[in-house]
Amino acid sequence: MTSWTILLATSWLAGAQATPSDYEEVTTILGKKGDFREGVLKVNVPRTDLAVTIAGRPAPTPFGFGGWVAFTKAEDGSEVMMGDLVLTEDEVNPVMSAILSNGLEVTALHNHFFWEEPRTFYMHVHGRGKASDLARKLEPAIDWIDDAARKRGAPPAVAVEGKLDAARIARIVGHAGETNGPVYKITIGRPDIDLREHGAVINARMGLNTWAAFVGTDDDAMVAGDVAMLEHEVTPVLAALRASGIDVVAIHHHMTGTSPVVIFLHYYGTGSTERLAEGVRAAIDLLGRPATEAHPVNRRN
């Protein structure tokens, strides 16, 4: 194994924990797989039924079409639930109605891409209460997505050609990632941001993270990702991505009522993995700096 693989495996094992019984009940109710690490149950809701292309290029599910919901405990023993559901245009409002009519909240709705077919949107959901109650409130929305997927049927198999030098990408970006099929994805937390809800730590597994996903070949790849930023970091990060030739496709919030305010942006680019990874690195190197070091156009005198 490479040193990067060993580091990743060691990190994963260190965070692995036995799943509490109430969280096992959540996965049973939702009929989905989940894993419990770092005090968070994360349940995957991947859209494997969608054969997505971006500007005509096949984009596999791990590239950015894997929805999720996550649960973690508040100080009073209740659960905080957050999630991000991947939906087609015709699914947005029925799923939103299912969320709202069952007492949960929708905190954001937005795009992650341009030029994708079919059009996909991302709905952030939120709730607080007992884990099993939250799962039952969420179940109708998940069932709606599952029913739509069954009606659509399995998409035709599309081979995604290419192999990436993951170790090289990790060295350039400065963080190791995970390989999922043809996709290499790097996820980076923001431990410098102390974000809590009712005492519950909102960490990378709860959605406070920056990520970059690569697919293709080292000479001709696609990158897509998300950057979690404090307000003073937005303009410098935007400038760094654009200077690197990477397209910004959305700027928005994911959570409401948070302190500090966290802004997320989504980006997409094509080119060599070296150039794309350098562009991602230029953006993430700007994170965590004090406001006094912000880009000149973002300073307030």
C-alpha atoms as a PDB file:
ATOM      1  CA  MET A   1       0.000   0.000   0.000  1.00  0.00           C
ATOM      2  CA  THR A   2       1.107   3.577  -0.571  1.00  0.00           C
ATOM      3  CA  SER A   3       1.699   5.921   2.364  1.00  0.00           C
ATOM      4  CA  TRP A   4      -1.463   7.825   1.368  1.00  0.00           C
ATOM      5  CA  THR A   5      -3.522   4.596   1.475  1.00  0.00           C
ATOM      6  CA  ILE A   6      -2.100   3.664   4.880  1.00  0.00           C
ATOM      7  CA  LEU A   7      -2.823   7.166   6.216  1.00  0.00           C
ATOM      8  CA  LEU A   8      -6.402   7.019   4.961  1.00  0.00           C
ATOM      9  CA  ALA A   9      -7.030   3.531   6.370  1.00  0.00           C
ATOM     10  CA  THR A  10      -5.537   4.489   9.748  1.00  0.00           C
ATOM     11  CA  SER A  11      -7.658   7.640   9.892  1.00  0.00           C
ATOM     12  CA  TRP A  12     -10.830   5.719   9.060  1.00  0.00           C
ATOM     13  CA  LEU A  13     -10.185   3.035  11.679  1.00  0.00           C
ATOM     14  CA  ALA A  14      -9.422   5.650  14.304  1.00  0.00           C
ATOM     15  CA  GLY A  15     -12.811   7.258  13.736  1.00  0.00           C
ATOM     16  CA  ALA A  16     -14.806   4.021  13.487  1.00  0.00           C
ATOM     17  CA  GLN A  17     -17.277   3.406  16.321  1.00  0.00           C
ATOM     18  CA  ALA A  18     -19.941   0.855  17.180  1.00  0.00           C
ATOM     19  CA  THR A  19     -23.314   2.110  15.913  1.00  0.00           C
ATOM     20  CA  PRO A  20     -25.727   2.957  18.765  1.00  0.00           C
ATOM     21  CA  SER A  21     -28.985   0.993  18.720  1.00  0.00           C
ATOM     22  CA  ASP A  22     -31.137   4.079  18.115  1.00  0.00           C
ATOM     23  CA  TYR A  23     -29.092   4.841  15.012  1.00  0.00           C
ATOM     24  CA  GLU A  24     -29.447   1.259  13.794  1.00  0.00           C
ATOM     25  CA  GLU A  25     -33.194   1.856  14.029  1.00  0.00           C
ATOM     26  CA  VAL A  26     -32.799   4.923  11.790  1.00  0.00           C
ATOM     27  CA  THR A  27     -31.173   2.898   8.999  1.00  0.00           C
ATOM     28  CA  THR A  28     -33.887   0.243   9.313  1.00  0.00           C
ATOM     29  CA  ILE A  29     -36.693   2.810   9.052  1.00  0.00           C
ATOM     30  CA  LEU A  30     -35.119   4.525   6.057  1.00  0.00           C
ATOM     31  CA  GLY A  31     -34.034   1.272   4.407  1.00  0.00           C
ATOM     32  CA  LYS A  32     -30.585   2.714   3.707  1.00  0.00           C
ATOM     33  CA  LYS A  33     -27.014   1.964   4.625  1.00  0.00           C
ATOM     34  CA  GLY A  34     -25.173   4.191   7.055  1.00  0.00           C
ATOM     35  CA  ASP A  35     -21.965   4.396   9.038  1.00  0.00           C
ATOM     36  CA  PHE A  36     -21.233   5.843  12.475  1.00  0.00           C
ATOM     37  CA  ARG A  37     -17.993   7.765  12.992  1.00  0.00           C
ATOM     38  CA  GLU A  38     -16.917  10.865  14.904  1.00  0.00           C
ATOM     39  CA  GLY A  39     -20.210  10.860  16.786  1.00  0.00           C
ATOM     40  CA  VAL A  40     -22.234  11.122  13.569  1.00  0.00           C
ATOM     41  CA  LEU A  41     -24.490   8.627  11.808  1.00  0.00           C
ATOM     42  CA  LYS A  42     -24.341   9.323   8.076  1.00  0.00           C
ATOM     43  CA  VAL A  43     -26.920   7.636   5.849  1.00  0.00           C
ATOM     44  CA  ASN A  44     -26.309   7.581   2.106  1.00  0.00           C
ATOM     45  CA  VAL A  45     -29.053   8.350  -0.429  1.00  0.00           C
ATOM     46  CA  PRO A  46     -27.156   7.969  -3.738  1.00  0.00           C
ATOM     47  CA  ARG A  47     -28.904   8.645  -7.048  1.00  0.00           C
ATOM     48  CA  THR A  48     -27.586   5.615  -8.886  1.00  0.00           C
ATOM     49  CA  ASP A  49     -30.731   5.691 -11.036  1.00  0.00           C
ATOM     50  CA  LEU A  50     -29.581   8.854 -12.810  1.00  0.00           C
ATOM     51  CA  ALA A  51     -27.290   8.686 -15.830  1.00  0.00           C
ATOM     52  CA  VAL A  52     -25.962  12.231 -15.608  1.00  0.00           C
ATOM     53  CA  THR A  53     -23.840  13.935 -18.231  1.00  0.00           C
ATOM     54  CA  ILE A  54     -22.156  17.334 -17.869  1.00  0.00           C
ATOM     55  CA  ALA A  55     -21.654  19.125 -21.173  1.00  0.00           C
ATOM     56  CA  GLY A  56     -22.028  15.701 -22.768  1.00  0.00           C
ATOM     57  CA  ARG A  57     -19.468  13.943 -20.528  1.00  0.00           C
ATOM     58  CA  PRO A  58     -20.623  11.041 -18.310  1.00  0.00           C
ATOM     59  CA  ALA A  59     -20.560  11.962 -14.627  1.00  0.00           C
ATOM     60  CA  PRO A  60     -20.768   8.935 -12.291  1.00  0.00           C
ATOM     61  CA  THR A  61     -22.779   9.072  -9.069  1.00  0.00           C
ATOM     62  CA  PRO A  62     -19.765   9.588  -6.731  1.00  0.00           C
ATOM     63  CA  PHE A  63     -18.777  12.685  -8.718  1.00  0.00           C
ATOM     64  CA  GLY A  64     -21.528  14.666  -7.022  1.00  0.00           C
ATOM     65  CA  PHE A  65     -24.869  12.865  -7.027  1.00  0.00           C
ATOM     66  CA  GLY A  66     -24.764  11.047  -3.692  1.00  0.00           C
ATOM     67  CA  GLY A  67     -27.360  12.482  -1.325  1.00  0.00           C
ATOM     68  CA  TRP A  68     -27.125  11.962   2.430  1.00  0.00           C
ATOM     69  CA  VAL A  69     -28.643  12.644   5.833  1.00  0.00           C
ATOM     70  CA  ALA A  70     -26.681  12.799   9.089  1.00  0.00           C
ATOM     71  CA  PHE A  71     -27.578  12.599  12.781  1.00  0.00           C
ATOM     72  CA  THR A  72     -25.657  13.722  15.864  1.00  0.00           C
ATOM     73  CA  LYS A  73     -26.597  14.292  19.499  1.00  0.00           C
ATOM     74  CA  ALA A  74     -27.366  17.668  21.061  1.00  0.00           C
ATOM     75  CA  GLU A  75     -26.471  18.475  24.669  1.00  0.00           C
ATOM     76  CA  ASP A  76     -29.960  17.498  25.895  1.00  0.00           C
ATOM     77  CA  GLY A  77     -29.754  14.046  24.287  1.00  0.00           C
ATOM     78  CA  SER A  78     -32.001  14.903  21.346  1.00  0.00           C
ATOM     79  CA  GLU A  79     -30.758  14.525  17.778  1.00  0.00           C
ATOM     80  CA  VAL A  80     -29.820  17.169  15.242  1.00  0.00           C
ATOM     81  CA  MET A  81     -30.447  15.976  11.687  1.00  0.00           C
ATOM     82  CA  MET A  82     -29.060  17.608   8.554  1.00  0.00           C
ATOM     83  CA  GLY A  83     -29.039  16.340   5.004  1.00  0.00           C
ATOM     84  CA  ASP A  84     -28.635  17.063   1.317  1.00  0.00           C
ATOM     85  CA  LEU A  85     -31.007  15.299  -1.091  1.00  0.00           C
ATOM     86  CA  VAL A  86     -30.262  15.070  -4.822  1.00  0.00           C
ATOM     87  CA  LEU A  87     -33.381  15.630  -6.925  1.00  0.00           C
ATOM     88  CA  THR A  88     -34.443  16.068 -10.526  1.00  0.00           C
ATOM     89  CA  GLU A  89     -36.575  19.081 -11.436  1.00  0.00           C
ATOM     90  CA  ASP A  90     -39.862  17.202 -11.260  1.00  0.00           C
ATOM     91  CA  GLU A  91     -38.996  15.741  -7.857  1.00  0.00           C
ATOM     92  CA  VAL A  92     -38.208  19.013  -6.068  1.00  0.00           C
ATOM     93  CA  ASN A  93     -41.650  20.186  -5.005  1.00  0.00           C
ATOM     94  CA  PRO A  94     -43.206  16.788  -4.166  1.00  0.00           C
ATOM     95  CA  VAL A  95     -40.223  15.971  -1.956  1.00  0.00           C
ATOM     96  CA  MET A  96     -40.326  19.444  -0.398  1.00  0.00           C
ATOM     97  CA  SER A  97     -44.002  18.950   0.443  1.00  0.00           C
ATOM     98  CA  ALA A  98     -43.201  15.573   2.012  1.00  0.00           C
ATOM     99  CA  ILE A  99     -40.491  17.204   4.136  1.00  0.00           C
ATOM    100  CA  LEU A 100     -42.581  20.166   5.270  1.00  0.00           C
ATOM    101  CA  SER A 101     -45.833  18.278   5.889  1.00  0.00           C
ATOM    102  CA  ASN A 102     -44.015  15.960   8.275  1.00  0.00           C
ATOM    103  CA  GLY A 103     -42.621  18.733  10.457  1.00  0.00           C
ATOM    104  CA  LEU A 104     -39.085  18.965   9.070  1.00  0.00           C
ATOM    105  CA  GLU A 105     -37.393  22.033   7.590  1.00  0.00           C
ATOM    106  CA  VAL A 106     -35.966  22.836   4.161  1.00  0.00           C
ATOM    107  CA  THR A 107     -33.009  25.186   4.648  1.00  0.00           C
ATOM    108  CA  ALA A 108     -31.705  25.520   1.081  1.00  0.00           C
ATOM    109  CA  LEU A 109     -32.390  24.561  -2.536  1.00  0.00           C
ATOM    110  CA  HIS A 110     -29.855  25.122  -5.294  1.00  0.00           C
ATOM    111  CA  ASN A 111     -27.838  23.794  -8.208  1.00  0.00           C
ATOM    112  CA  HIS A 112     -24.326  22.351  -8.125  1.00  0.00           C
ATOM    113  CA  PHE A 113     -23.692  22.241 -11.869  1.00  0.00           C
ATOM    114  CA  PHE A 114     -24.268  23.911 -15.216  1.00  0.00           C
ATOM    115  CA  TRP A 115     -24.883  21.965 -18.439  1.00  0.00           C
ATOM    116  CA  GLU A 116     -25.939  18.748 -16.686  1.00  0.00           C
ATOM    117  CA  GLU A 117     -28.596  16.383 -18.051  1.00  0.00           C
ATOM    118  CA  PRO A 118     -30.939  15.686 -16.415  1.00  0.00           C
ATOM    119  CA  ARG A 119     -31.078  18.901 -14.386  1.00  0.00           C
ATOM    120  CA  THR A 120     -30.303  18.167 -10.745  1.00  0.00           C
ATOM    121  CA  PHE A 121     -31.019  20.204  -7.639  1.00  0.00           C
ATOM    122  CA  TYR A 122     -29.886  19.842  -4.038  1.00  0.00           C
ATOM    123  CA  MET A 123     -32.272  20.240  -1.111  1.00  0.00           C
ATOM    124  CA  HIS A 124     -30.892  20.718   2.392  1.00  0.00           C
ATOM    125  CA  VAL A 125     -33.119  19.393   5.161  1.00  0.00           C
ATOM    126  CA  HIS A 126     -33.053  19.876   8.909  1.00  0.00           C
ATOM    127  CA  GLY A 127     -34.775  18.527  11.990  1.00  0.00           C
ATOM    128  CA  ARG A 128     -34.370  18.070  15.722  1.00  0.00           C
ATOM    129  CA  GLY A 129     -35.884  15.482  18.036  1.00  0.00           C
ATOM    130  CA  LYS A 130     -35.674  11.767  18.752  1.00  0.00           C
ATOM    131  CA  ALA A 131     -33.666   9.823  16.157  1.00  0.00           C
ATOM    132  CA  SER A 132     -36.433   7.353  15.290  1.00  0.00           C
ATOM    133  CA  ASP A 133     -39.051  10.131  15.106  1.00  0.00           C
ATOM    134  CA  LEU A 134     -36.870  12.137  12.720  1.00  0.00           C
ATOM    135  CA  ALA A 135     -36.350   9.051  10.559  1.00  0.00           C
ATOM    136  CA  ARG A 136     -40.107   8.425  10.370  1.00  0.00           C
ATOM    137  CA  LYS A 137     -40.718  12.069   9.428  1.00  0.00           C
ATOM    138  CA  LEU A 138     -38.047  11.792   6.719  1.00  0.00           C
ATOM    139  CA  GLU A 139     -39.217   8.406   5.445  1.00  0.00           C
ATOM    140  CA  PRO A 140     -42.013   9.717   3.129  1.00  0.00           C
ATOM    141  CA  ALA A 141     -39.514  11.934   1.269  1.00  0.00           C
ATOM    142  CA  ILE A 142     -37.017   9.075   0.930  1.00  0.00           C
ATOM    143  CA  ASP A 143     -39.826   6.759  -0.235  1.00  0.00           C
ATOM    144  CA  TRP A 144     -40.821   9.347  -2.852  1.00  0.00           C
ATOM    145  CA  ILE A 145     -37.249   9.400  -4.197  1.00  0.00           C
ATOM    146  CA  ASP A 146     -37.052   5.599  -4.158  1.00  0.00           C
ATOM    147  CA  ASP A 147     -40.384   5.267  -5.978  1.00  0.00           C
ATOM    148  CA  ALA A 148     -39.263   7.742  -8.639  1.00  0.00           C
ATOM    149  CA  ALA A 149     -36.058   5.747  -9.069  1.00  0.00           C
ATOM    150  CA  ARG A 150     -37.961   2.471  -9.434  1.00  0.00           C
ATOM    151  CA  LYS A 151     -40.234   3.985 -12.084  1.00  0.00           C
ATOM    152  CA  ARG A 152     -37.236   5.350 -13.952  1.00  0.00           C
ATOM    153  CA  GLY A 153     -35.470   2.009 -13.856  1.00  0.00           C
ATOM    154  CA  ALA A 154     -31.768   1.312 -13.973  1.00  0.00           C
ATOM    155  CA  PRO A 155     -29.887   3.639 -16.312  1.00  0.00           C
ATOM    156  CA  PRO A 156     -27.931   2.190 -19.214  1.00  0.00           C
ATOM    157  CA  ALA A 157     -24.409   1.254 -18.249  1.00  0.00           C
ATOM    158  CA  VAL A 158     -21.927   3.896 -19.385  1.00  0.00           C
ATOM    159  CA  ALA A 159     -18.234   3.196 -19.065  1.00  0.00           C
ATOM    160  CA  VAL A 160     -16.264   6.097 -17.585  1.00  0.00           C
ATOM    161  CA  GLU A 161     -12.831   5.718 -19.061  1.00  0.00           C
ATOM    162  CA  GLY A 162      -9.618   6.840 -17.486  1.00  0.00           C
ATOM    163  CA  LYS A 163      -7.407   6.345 -14.478  1.00  0.00           C
ATOM    164  CA  LEU A 164      -6.175   9.047 -12.152  1.00  0.00           C
ATOM    165  CA  ASP A 165      -2.890   9.365 -10.285  1.00  0.00           C
ATOM    166  CA  ALA A 166      -4.619   9.827  -6.937  1.00  0.00           C
ATOM    167  CA  ALA A 167      -1.389  10.111  -4.964  1.00  0.00           C
ATOM    168  CA  ARG A 168      -0.224  12.984  -7.158  1.00  0.00           C
ATOM    169  CA  ILE A 169      -3.542  14.804  -6.805  1.00  0.00           C
ATOM    170  CA  ALA A 170      -3.359  14.377  -3.018  1.00  0.00           C
ATOM    171  CA  ARG A 171       0.180  15.770  -2.912  1.00  0.00           C
ATOM    172  CA  ILE A 172      -0.809  18.856  -4.890  1.00  0.00           C
ATOM    173  CA  VAL A 173      -3.995  19.539  -2.919  1.00  0.00           C
ATOM    174  CA  GLY A 174      -2.264  18.719   0.352  1.00  0.00           C
ATOM    175  CA  HIS A 175      -4.923  16.292   1.588  1.00  0.00           C
ATOM    176  CA  ALA A 176      -5.577  12.587   1.023  1.00  0.00           C
ATOM    177  CA  GLY A 177      -8.887  11.401  -0.374  1.00  0.00           C
ATOM    178  CA  GLU A 178     -10.861   8.280  -1.187  1.00  0.00           C
ATOM    179  CA  THR A 179     -11.327   6.392  -4.448  1.00  0.00           C
ATOM    180  CA  ASN A 180     -14.894   5.339  -5.294  1.00  0.00           C
ATOM    181  CA  GLY A 181     -15.000   3.630  -8.662  1.00  0.00           C
ATOM    182  CA  PRO A 182     -13.532   6.055 -11.228  1.00  0.00           C
ATOM    183  CA  VAL A 183     -13.832   9.047  -8.859  1.00  0.00           C
ATOM    184  CA  TYR A 184     -11.168  10.354  -6.488  1.00  0.00           C
ATOM    185  CA  LYS A 185     -12.700  12.609  -3.818  1.00  0.00           C
ATOM    186  CA  ILE A 186     -10.948  14.711  -1.193  1.00  0.00           C
ATOM    187  CA  THR A 187     -12.987  15.986   1.775  1.00  0.00           C
ATOM    188  CA  ILE A 188     -11.559  18.640   4.103  1.00  0.00           C
ATOM    189  CA  GLY A 189     -13.178  19.732   7.359  1.00  0.00           C
ATOM    190  CA  ARG A 190     -13.241  23.190   8.935  1.00  0.00           C
ATOM    191  CA  PRO A 191     -12.179  22.428  12.537  1.00  0.00           C
ATOM    192  CA  ASP A 192     -11.263  26.114  12.882  1.00  0.00           C
ATOM    193  CA  ILE A 193     -14.989  26.973  12.734  1.00  0.00           C
ATOM    194  CA  ASP A 194     -16.742  26.180  16.022  1.00  0.00           C
ATOM    195  CA  LEU A 195     -20.254  25.635  14.693  1.00  0.00           C
ATOM    196  CA  ARG A 196     -22.815  24.137  17.079  1.00  0.00           C
ATOM    197  CA  GLU A 197     -26.540  23.589  17.279  1.00  0.00           C
ATOM    198  CA  HIS A 198     -27.977  23.050  20.749  1.00  0.00           C
ATOM    199  CA  GLY A 199     -24.478  22.021  21.755  1.00  0.00           C
ATOM    200  CA  ALA A 200     -24.113  19.494  18.942  1.00  0.00           C
ATOM    201  CA  VAL A 201     -20.853  19.875  17.038  1.00  0.00           C
ATOM    202  CA  ILE A 202     -21.523  20.465  13.330  1.00  0.00           C
ATOM    203  CA  ASN A 203     -18.433  18.864  11.836  1.00  0.00           C
ATOM    204  CA  ALA A 204     -17.363  17.688   8.393  1.00  0.00           C
ATOM    205  CA  ARG A 205     -19.627  14.637   8.512  1.00  0.00           C
ATOM    206  CA  MET A 206     -22.592  16.894   9.306  1.00  0.00           C
ATOM    207  CA  GLY A 207     -21.868  18.966   6.186  1.00  0.00           C
ATOM    208  CA  LEU A 208     -19.315  21.561   7.300  1.00  0.00           C
ATOM    209  CA  ASN A 209     -16.653  20.653   4.773  1.00  0.00           C
ATOM    210  CA  THR A 210     -14.847  21.520   1.581  1.00  0.00           C
ATOM    211  CA  TRP A 211     -14.504  18.806  -1.066  1.00  0.00           C
ATOM    212  CA  ALA A 212     -13.113  18.172  -4.535  1.00  0.00           C
ATOM    213  CA  ALA A 213     -13.991  15.229  -6.798  1.00  0.00           C
ATOM    214  CA  PHE A 214     -11.910  14.255  -9.837  1.00  0.00           C
ATOM    215  CA  VAL A 215     -12.803  11.907 -12.693  1.00  0.00           C
ATOM    216  CA  GLY A 216     -11.274  11.203 -16.111  1.00  0.00           C
ATOM    217  CA  THR A 217      -7.614  10.961 -17.017  1.00  0.00           C
ATOM    218  CA  ASP A 218      -4.655  12.958 -15.770  1.00  0.00           C
ATOM    219  CA  ASP A 219      -4.538  14.794 -19.108  1.00  0.00           C
ATOM    220  CA  ASP A 220      -8.296  15.335 -19.466  1.00  0.00           C
ATOM    221  CA  ALA A 221     -10.241  15.365 -16.200  1.00  0.00           C
ATOM    222  CA  MET A 222     -13.287  16.983 -14.646  1.00  0.00           C
ATOM    223  CA  VAL A 223     -13.281  18.434 -11.144  1.00  0.00           C
ATOM    224  CA  ALA A 224     -16.325  19.427  -9.119  1.00  0.00           C
ATOM    225  CA  GLY A 225     -16.495  20.583  -5.563  1.00  0.00           C
ATOM    226  CA  ASP A 226     -17.738  22.740  -2.759  1.00  0.00           C
ATOM    227  CA  VAL A 227     -15.922  25.245  -0.534  1.00  0.00           C
ATOM    228  CA  ALA A 228     -17.178  26.086   2.978  1.00  0.00           C
ATOM    229  CA  MET A 229     -16.255  29.694   3.767  1.00  0.00           C
ATOM    230  CA  LEU A 230     -16.635  32.411   6.336  1.00  0.00           C
ATOM    231  CA  GLU A 231     -17.986  35.624   4.878  1.00  0.00           C
ATOM    232  CA  HIS A 232     -14.608  37.363   4.576  1.00  0.00           C
ATOM    233  CA  GLU A 233     -13.191  34.375   2.663  1.00  0.00           C
ATOM    234  CA  VAL A 234     -15.726  34.438  -0.186  1.00  0.00           C
ATOM    235  CA  THR A 235     -14.151  36.995  -2.523  1.00  0.00           C
ATOM    236  CA  PRO A 236     -10.557  35.723  -2.202  1.00  0.00           C
ATOM    237  CA  VAL A 237     -11.694  32.155  -2.913  1.00  0.00           C
ATOM    238  CA  LEU A 238     -13.762  33.257  -5.894  1.00  0.00           C
ATOM    239  CA  ALA A 239     -10.789  35.164  -7.290  1.00  0.00           C
ATOM    240  CA  ALA A 240      -8.461  32.183  -6.826  1.00  0.00           C
ATOM    241  CA  LEU A 241     -10.800  29.762  -8.613  1.00  0.00           C
ATOM    242  CA  ARG A 242     -11.411  32.119 -11.524  1.00  0.00           C
ATOM    243  CA  ALA A 243      -7.686  32.861 -11.851  1.00  0.00           C
ATOM    244  CA  SER A 244      -7.194  29.102 -12.166  1.00  0.00           C
ATOM    245  CA  GLY A 245      -9.788  28.836 -14.949  1.00  0.00           C
ATOM    246  CA  ILE A 246     -12.287  26.957 -12.769  1.00  0.00           C
ATOM    247  CA  ASP A 247     -15.959  27.912 -13.172  1.00  0.00           C
ATOM    248  CA  VAL A 248     -18.037  28.992 -10.166  1.00  0.00           C
ATOM    249  CA  VAL A 249     -21.566  27.617 -10.536  1.00  0.00           C
ATOM    250  CA  ALA A 250     -23.306  28.573  -7.263  1.00  0.00           C
ATOM    251  CA  ILE A 251     -22.856  30.602  -4.074  1.00  0.00           C
ATOM    252  CA  HIS A 252     -25.314  29.994  -1.233  1.00  0.00           C
ATOM    253  CA  HIS A 253     -25.949  28.866   2.338  1.00  0.00           C
ATOM    254  CA  HIS A 254     -26.741  25.287   3.380  1.00  0.00           C
ATOM    255  CA  MET A 255     -27.826  25.953   6.965  1.00  0.00           C
ATOM    256  CA  THR A 256     -29.980  28.669   8.501  1.00  0.00           C
ATOM    257  CA  GLY A 257     -29.607  30.407  11.852  1.00  0.00           C
ATOM    258  CA  THR A 258     -25.923  29.568  12.246  1.00  0.00           C
ATOM    259  CA  SER A 259     -23.284  31.633  13.999  1.00  0.00           C
ATOM    260  CA  PRO A 260     -20.891  32.259  12.422  1.00  0.00           C
ATOM    261  CA  VAL A 261     -22.499  32.461   8.992  1.00  0.00           C
ATOM    262  CA  VAL A 262     -21.046  29.864   6.626  1.00  0.00           C
ATOM    263  CA  ILE A 263     -21.255  30.373   2.848  1.00  0.00           C
ATOM    264  CA  PHE A 264     -20.755  27.542   0.361  1.00  0.00           C
ATOM    265  CA  LEU A 265     -19.747  27.754  -3.275  1.00  0.00           C
ATOM    266  CA  HIS A 266     -19.761  25.061  -5.927  1.00  0.00           C
ATOM    267  CA  TYR A 267     -17.293  24.908  -8.782  1.00  0.00           C
ATOM    268  CA  TYR A 268     -16.584  22.853 -11.887  1.00  0.00           C
ATOM    269  CA  GLY A 269     -13.632  22.669 -14.236  1.00  0.00           C
ATOM    270  CA  THR A 270     -11.966  20.602 -16.929  1.00  0.00           C
ATOM    271  CA  GLY A 271      -8.333  20.119 -17.861  1.00  0.00           C
ATOM    272  CA  SER A 272      -5.304  18.264 -16.582  1.00  0.00           C
ATOM    273  CA  THR A 273      -5.474  17.008 -13.011  1.00  0.00           C
ATOM    274  CA  GLU A 274      -2.318  18.982 -12.241  1.00  0.00           C
ATOM    275  CA  ARG A 275      -3.880  22.312 -13.252  1.00  0.00           C
ATOM    276  CA  LEU A 276      -7.220  21.522 -11.594  1.00  0.00           C
ATOM    277  CA  ALA A 277      -5.591  20.348  -8.358  1.00  0.00           C
ATOM    278  CA  GLU A 278      -3.420  23.462  -8.261  1.00  0.00           C
ATOM    279  CA  GLY A 279      -6.564  25.587  -8.658  1.00  0.00           C
ATOM    280  CA  VAL A 280      -8.276  23.778  -5.805  1.00  0.00           C
ATOM    281  CA  ARG A 281      -5.154  24.168  -3.651  1.00  0.00           C
ATOM    282  CA  ALA A 282      -5.006  27.906  -4.366  1.00  0.00           C
ATOM    283  CA  ALA A 283      -8.575  28.262  -3.062  1.00  0.00           C
ATOM    284  CA  ILE A 284      -8.265  26.129   0.062  1.00  0.00           C
ATOM    285  CA  ASP A 285      -4.993  27.800   1.051  1.00  0.00           C
ATOM    286  CA  LEU A 286      -7.050  30.967   1.625  1.00  0.00           C
ATOM    287  CA  LEU A 287      -9.277  29.320   4.227  1.00  0.00           C
ATOM    288  CA  GLY A 288      -8.707  29.925   7.915  1.00  0.00           C
ATOM    289  CA  ARG A 289      -6.932  33.248   7.527  1.00  0.00           C
ATOM    290  CA  PRO A 290      -8.053  36.197   9.667  1.00  0.00           C
ATOM    291  CA  ALA A 291     -10.281  38.814   8.073  1.00  0.00           C
ATOM    292  CA  THR A 292      -7.441  41.350   8.172  1.00  0.00           C
ATOM    293  CA  GLU A 293      -5.624  39.226   5.582  1.00  0.00           C
ATOM    294  CA  ALA A 294      -8.601  39.110   3.207  1.00  0.00           C
ATOM    295  CA  HIS A 295      -8.341  40.124  -0.425  1.00  0.00           C
ATOM    296  CA  PRO A 296      -8.109  43.935  -0.745  1.00  0.00           C
ATOM    297  CA  VAL A 297     -11.502  44.267  -2.461  1.00  0.00           C
ATOM    298  CA  ASN A 298     -13.082  42.452   0.483  1.00  0.00           C
ATOM    299  CA  ARG A 299     -11.688  44.714   3.184  1.00  0.00           C
ATOM    300  CA  ARG A 300     -13.821  47.316   4.903  1.00  0.00           C
ATOM    301  CA  ASN A 301     -11.869  50.346   6.063  1.00  0.00           C
END
